[in-house]
Structures are given as C-alpha cells and as structure tokens.
Amino acid sequence: MEKGDPGFLGRGWAFPPDFDPAEGGARMVEAVEDIEQSLRILFETRPGERVMHPTYGCRIHDLVFEPMTAATARAVETAISRAILFFEARIRLREVRVSFENWAEGRMSVFLDYEVERTNTRHNVVFPFYAQEGTLVTGTPVAA
C-alpha cells in the first residue's frame, strides 16, 4: 500500500490471478497497482463479455483491423477515454495517446497520463495491444 494510503483506492485480486503458496491465498494488489490492473482488465474486455454487466468494457477491439491512420488513432483514444469515464471513477484522465510505430510487428501502444482522484497524484502507464494471434493478451503495463 502506498505510504499514507488508508485503503480507499481499492484492493483486489492480482490480474492475472496468482496464488501465494506461502500464504495459501490469492495474491492481492492495492492502490495504484490495483487501478492499473483494473485499467488493463477494462481495455481487454469487450462490451457484452460480462454476463451480469454487459456494458462494461472498451470498444478498442472493434478497431484492431482498421487502417492505421490519424482517424483510427483518434477513434482508439475516444474508445479508451469513454471506457475510463464510465468504468474507472478513481482516476482523472489527463491525456491518452496512441502510437502505431510498431504496427508492422502487430503492436499498438496506448500511453495514459492520469491523476488519482483521491490523492491528486499523477501517473503514467503504457498498455501494449497486439493485432496478431492472441489479440486479447497484452504485456504487463509499464510506467512511462
């Protein structure tokens, strides 16, 4: 837990789920790590995949096979911004930027700059997305 965080930023299972054999339970994440993993889950979920929450998710997957143009980049940025607006109230998005520089290799990167609402701390993270096999599999987000 971050220093000075009384737990109001959230706590949940790590994603992907992992179990600690020493503790005998699921590995938990808290605070900013929980937010970043929540964002990853949000971006990797297509609307309609969750039976009890059919509107949850991000429409980025609808754009995976579009031509890599400025218009597509704006559409991806809009899809991500809307998903965060509706489903991740713990953060205030400052900037979302898409990079297609590795698209020939089947990779698109999304750079997020955000503030945690309750603490006013700024964070940056990069989410990679892949257009080839395993499109729903992304690497671990890294601080920018």
C-alpha atoms as a PDB file:
ATOM      1  CA  MET A   1       0.000   0.000   0.000  1.00  0.00           C
ATOM      2  CA  GLU A   2       1.292   3.464  -0.796  1.00  0.00           C
ATOM      3  CA  LYS A   3       2.566   5.469   2.124  1.00  0.00           C
ATOM      4  CA  GLY A   4      -0.300   7.444   3.588  1.00  0.00           C
ATOM      5  CA  ASP A   5      -2.979   5.481   1.685  1.00  0.00           C
ATOM      6  CA  PRO A   6      -5.653   4.375   4.147  1.00  0.00           C
ATOM      7  CA  GLY A   7      -7.039   1.850   1.655  1.00  0.00           C
ATOM      8  CA  PHE A   8      -9.620   3.973  -0.131  1.00  0.00           C
ATOM      9  CA  LEU A   9      -8.065   3.382  -3.564  1.00  0.00           C
ATOM     10  CA  GLY A  10      -9.097  -0.237  -3.555  1.00  0.00           C
ATOM     11  CA  ARG A  11      -7.780  -3.715  -3.047  1.00  0.00           C
ATOM     12  CA  GLY A  12      -8.428  -6.772  -5.157  1.00  0.00           C
ATOM     13  CA  TRP A  13      -7.077  -9.938  -6.662  1.00  0.00           C
ATOM     14  CA  ALA A  14      -3.990  -9.561  -8.818  1.00  0.00           C
ATOM     15  CA  PHE A  15      -4.514  -9.933 -12.539  1.00  0.00           C
ATOM     16  CA  PRO A  16      -3.876 -12.418 -13.889  1.00  0.00           C
ATOM     17  CA  PRO A  17      -4.886 -14.323 -10.755  1.00  0.00           C
ATOM     18  CA  ASP A  18      -1.910 -15.667  -8.865  1.00  0.00           C
ATOM     19  CA  PHE A  19      -1.755 -17.662  -5.667  1.00  0.00           C
ATOM     20  CA  ASP A  20       0.830 -17.371  -2.936  1.00  0.00           C
ATOM     21  CA  PRO A  21       1.754 -20.859  -1.712  1.00  0.00           C
ATOM     22  CA  ALA A  22       3.324 -19.459   1.465  1.00  0.00           C
ATOM     23  CA  GLU A  23       0.175 -17.563   2.457  1.00  0.00           C
ATOM     24  CA  GLY A  24      -2.260 -20.078   0.991  1.00  0.00           C
ATOM     25  CA  GLY A  25      -4.407 -17.472  -0.721  1.00  0.00           C
ATOM     26  CA  ALA A  26      -4.767 -15.251  -3.740  1.00  0.00           C
ATOM     27  CA  ARG A  27      -2.164 -12.545  -4.312  1.00  0.00           C
ATOM     28  CA  MET A  28      -3.760  -9.154  -3.688  1.00  0.00           C
ATOM     29  CA  VAL A  29      -2.946  -5.732  -5.143  1.00  0.00           C
ATOM     30  CA  GLU A  30      -3.749  -2.328  -3.699  1.00  0.00           C
ATOM     31  CA  ALA A  31      -3.826   1.366  -4.509  1.00  0.00           C
ATOM     32  CA  VAL A  32      -2.248   2.426  -7.836  1.00  0.00           C
ATOM     33  CA  GLU A  33      -1.314  -1.153  -8.773  1.00  0.00           C
ATOM     34  CA  ASP A  34      -4.988  -2.113  -8.355  1.00  0.00           C
ATOM     35  CA  ILE A  35      -6.026   0.826 -10.574  1.00  0.00           C
ATOM     36  CA  GLU A  36      -3.531  -0.118 -13.311  1.00  0.00           C
ATOM     37  CA  GLN A  37      -4.642  -3.728 -13.300  1.00  0.00           C
ATOM     38  CA  SER A  38      -8.275  -2.592 -13.361  1.00  0.00           C
ATOM     39  CA  LEU A  39      -7.498  -0.471 -16.441  1.00  0.00           C
ATOM     40  CA  ARG A  40      -5.879  -3.455 -18.127  1.00  0.00           C
ATOM     41  CA  ILE A  41      -8.964  -5.587 -17.453  1.00  0.00           C
ATOM     42  CA  LEU A  42     -11.221  -2.792 -18.742  1.00  0.00           C
ATOM     43  CA  PHE A  43      -9.270  -2.413 -22.001  1.00  0.00           C
ATOM     44  CA  GLU A  44      -9.106  -6.165 -22.618  1.00  0.00           C
ATOM     45  CA  THR A  45     -12.827  -6.709 -22.057  1.00  0.00           C
ATOM     46  CA  ARG A  46     -15.184  -6.339 -24.991  1.00  0.00           C
ATOM     47  CA  PRO A  47     -18.629  -4.906 -24.201  1.00  0.00           C
ATOM     48  CA  GLY A  48     -21.016  -7.843 -23.859  1.00  0.00           C
ATOM     49  CA  GLU A  49     -18.449 -10.304 -22.451  1.00  0.00           C
ATOM     50  CA  ARG A  50     -19.606  -9.906 -18.862  1.00  0.00           C
ATOM     51  CA  VAL A  51     -22.973 -11.533 -18.408  1.00  0.00           C
ATOM     52  CA  MET A  52     -24.041  -9.504 -15.380  1.00  0.00           C
ATOM     53  CA  HIS A  53     -22.500  -6.252 -16.661  1.00  0.00           C
ATOM     54  CA  PRO A  54     -22.957  -6.235 -20.467  1.00  0.00           C
ATOM     55  CA  THR A  55     -21.958  -2.602 -20.998  1.00  0.00           C
ATOM     56  CA  TYR A  56     -18.601  -2.987 -19.227  1.00  0.00           C
ATOM     57  CA  GLY A  57     -15.556  -2.948 -21.472  1.00  0.00           C
ATOM     58  CA  CYS A  58     -13.769  -0.986 -24.165  1.00  0.00           C
ATOM     59  CA  ARG A  59     -14.607  -0.833 -27.875  1.00  0.00           C
ATOM     60  CA  ILE A  60     -10.925  -0.781 -28.844  1.00  0.00           C
ATOM     61  CA  HIS A  61     -11.240  -4.316 -30.231  1.00  0.00           C
ATOM     62  CA  ASP A  62     -13.669  -3.062 -32.889  1.00  0.00           C
ATOM     63  CA  LEU A  63     -10.792  -1.007 -34.324  1.00  0.00           C
ATOM     64  CA  VAL A  64      -7.997  -3.583 -34.382  1.00  0.00           C
ATOM     65  CA  PHE A  65      -8.141  -4.209 -38.142  1.00  0.00           C
ATOM     66  CA  GLU A  66      -8.781  -0.621 -39.247  1.00  0.00           C
ATOM     67  CA  PRO A  67      -6.109   1.155 -41.303  1.00  0.00           C
ATOM     68  CA  MET A  68      -3.523   2.874 -39.155  1.00  0.00           C
ATOM     69  CA  THR A  69      -4.485   6.489 -39.779  1.00  0.00           C
ATOM     70  CA  ALA A  70      -4.868   9.581 -37.634  1.00  0.00           C
ATOM     71  CA  ALA A  71      -8.633   8.992 -37.651  1.00  0.00           C
ATOM     72  CA  THR A  72      -8.162   5.474 -36.277  1.00  0.00           C
ATOM     73  CA  ALA A  73      -5.808   6.798 -33.591  1.00  0.00           C
ATOM     74  CA  ARG A  74      -8.466   9.329 -32.537  1.00  0.00           C
ATOM     75  CA  ALA A  75     -11.131   6.593 -32.511  1.00  0.00           C
ATOM     76  CA  VAL A  76      -8.928   4.431 -30.248  1.00  0.00           C
ATOM     77  CA  GLU A  77      -8.279   7.393 -27.945  1.00  0.00           C
ATOM     78  CA  THR A  78     -12.023   8.109 -27.797  1.00  0.00           C
ATOM     79  CA  ALA A  79     -12.886   4.465 -27.036  1.00  0.00           C
ATOM     80  CA  ILE A  80     -10.361   4.388 -24.202  1.00  0.00           C
ATOM     81  CA  SER A  81     -11.402   7.786 -22.816  1.00  0.00           C
ATOM     82  CA  ARG A  82     -15.081   6.758 -22.780  1.00  0.00           C
ATOM     83  CA  ALA A  83     -14.329   3.428 -21.090  1.00  0.00           C
ATOM     84  CA  ILE A  84     -12.353   5.199 -18.358  1.00  0.00           C
ATOM     85  CA  LEU A  85     -15.043   7.859 -17.939  1.00  0.00           C
ATOM     86  CA  PHE A  86     -17.788   5.278 -17.406  1.00  0.00           C
ATOM     87  CA  PHE A  87     -15.954   2.498 -15.565  1.00  0.00           C
ATOM     88  CA  GLU A  88     -12.917   3.837 -13.670  1.00  0.00           C
ATOM     89  CA  ALA A  89     -14.039   6.653 -11.401  1.00  0.00           C
ATOM     90  CA  ARG A  90     -10.856   6.542  -9.291  1.00  0.00           C
ATOM     91  CA  ILE A  91      -8.840   8.429 -11.904  1.00  0.00           C
ATOM     92  CA  ARG A  92      -9.000  11.650 -13.903  1.00  0.00           C
ATOM     93  CA  LEU A  93      -7.587  11.120 -17.382  1.00  0.00           C
ATOM     94  CA  ARG A  94      -5.215  13.913 -18.388  1.00  0.00           C
ATOM     95  CA  GLU A  95      -4.047  12.514 -21.738  1.00  0.00           C
ATOM     96  CA  VAL A  96      -4.411   9.411 -23.858  1.00  0.00           C
ATOM     97  CA  ARG A  97      -2.115   8.966 -26.854  1.00  0.00           C
ATOM     98  CA  VAL A  98      -1.853   6.108 -29.338  1.00  0.00           C
ATOM     99  CA  SER A  99       1.337   5.043 -31.088  1.00  0.00           C
ATOM    100  CA  PHE A 100       1.354   2.796 -34.152  1.00  0.00           C
ATOM    101  CA  GLU A 101       5.153   2.827 -34.504  1.00  0.00           C
ATOM    102  CA  ASN A 102       5.337  -0.969 -34.013  1.00  0.00           C
ATOM    103  CA  TRP A 103       2.229  -1.735 -36.074  1.00  0.00           C
ATOM    104  CA  ALA A 104       4.197  -3.665 -38.734  1.00  0.00           C
ATOM    105  CA  GLU A 105       5.009  -6.068 -35.894  1.00  0.00           C
ATOM    106  CA  GLY A 106       1.325  -6.141 -34.889  1.00  0.00           C
ATOM    107  CA  ARG A 107       1.642  -3.864 -31.869  1.00  0.00           C
ATOM    108  CA  MET A 108      -0.055  -0.621 -30.881  1.00  0.00           C
ATOM    109  CA  SER A 109       0.855   1.237 -27.675  1.00  0.00           C
ATOM    110  CA  VAL A 110      -1.512   3.354 -25.621  1.00  0.00           C
ATOM    111  CA  PHE A 111       0.060   5.956 -23.341  1.00  0.00           C
ATOM    112  CA  LEU A 112      -2.037   7.174 -20.419  1.00  0.00           C
ATOM    113  CA  ASP A 113      -1.346  10.157 -18.202  1.00  0.00           C
ATOM    114  CA  TYR A 114      -3.787  10.314 -15.303  1.00  0.00           C
ATOM    115  CA  GLU A 115      -4.351  11.608 -11.793  1.00  0.00           C
ATOM    116  CA  VAL A 116      -5.697   9.552  -8.941  1.00  0.00           C
ATOM    117  CA  GLU A 117      -8.802  11.474  -7.824  1.00  0.00           C
ATOM    118  CA  ARG A 118      -8.449  10.976  -4.082  1.00  0.00           C
ATOM    119  CA  THR A 119      -4.725  11.724  -3.823  1.00  0.00           C
ATOM    120  CA  ASN A 120      -4.133  14.089  -6.784  1.00  0.00           C
ATOM    121  CA  THR A 121      -1.019  12.096  -7.679  1.00  0.00           C
ATOM    122  CA  ARG A 122      -0.053  11.820 -11.342  1.00  0.00           C
ATOM    123  CA  HIS A 123       0.841   8.542 -13.003  1.00  0.00           C
ATOM    124  CA  ASN A 124       1.839   7.396 -16.476  1.00  0.00           C
ATOM    125  CA  VAL A 125       1.383   3.939 -17.903  1.00  0.00           C
ATOM    126  CA  VAL A 126       1.805   2.283 -21.315  1.00  0.00           C
ATOM    127  CA  PHE A 127      -0.518  -0.518 -22.429  1.00  0.00           C
ATOM    128  CA  PRO A 128       0.570  -2.623 -25.415  1.00  0.00           C
ATOM    129  CA  PHE A 129      -2.083  -4.153 -27.704  1.00  0.00           C
ATOM    130  CA  TYR A 130      -1.406  -6.816 -30.314  1.00  0.00           C
ATOM    131  CA  ALA A 131      -3.235  -7.248 -33.647  1.00  0.00           C
ATOM    132  CA  GLN A 132      -1.909 -10.717 -34.440  1.00  0.00           C
ATOM    133  CA  GLU A 133      -2.727 -14.002 -32.742  1.00  0.00           C
ATOM    134  CA  GLY A 134      -3.609 -13.612 -29.091  1.00  0.00           C
ATOM    135  CA  THR A 135      -5.036 -10.117 -29.563  1.00  0.00           C
ATOM    136  CA  LEU A 136      -6.531 -10.101 -26.093  1.00  0.00           C
ATOM    137  CA  VAL A 137      -3.180 -10.840 -24.491  1.00  0.00           C
ATOM    138  CA  THR A 138      -1.146  -7.819 -23.512  1.00  0.00           C
ATOM    139  CA  GLY A 139       2.098  -7.448 -21.719  1.00  0.00           C
ATOM    140  CA  THR A 140       2.343  -6.015 -18.270  1.00  0.00           C
ATOM    141  CA  PRO A 141       1.773  -2.234 -18.284  1.00  0.00           C
ATOM    142  CA  VAL A 142       4.918  -0.267 -17.527  1.00  0.00           C
ATOM    143  CA  ALA A 143       5.359   3.197 -16.068  1.00  0.00           C
ATOM    144  CA  ALA A 144       6.177   5.696 -18.811  1.00  0.00           C
END
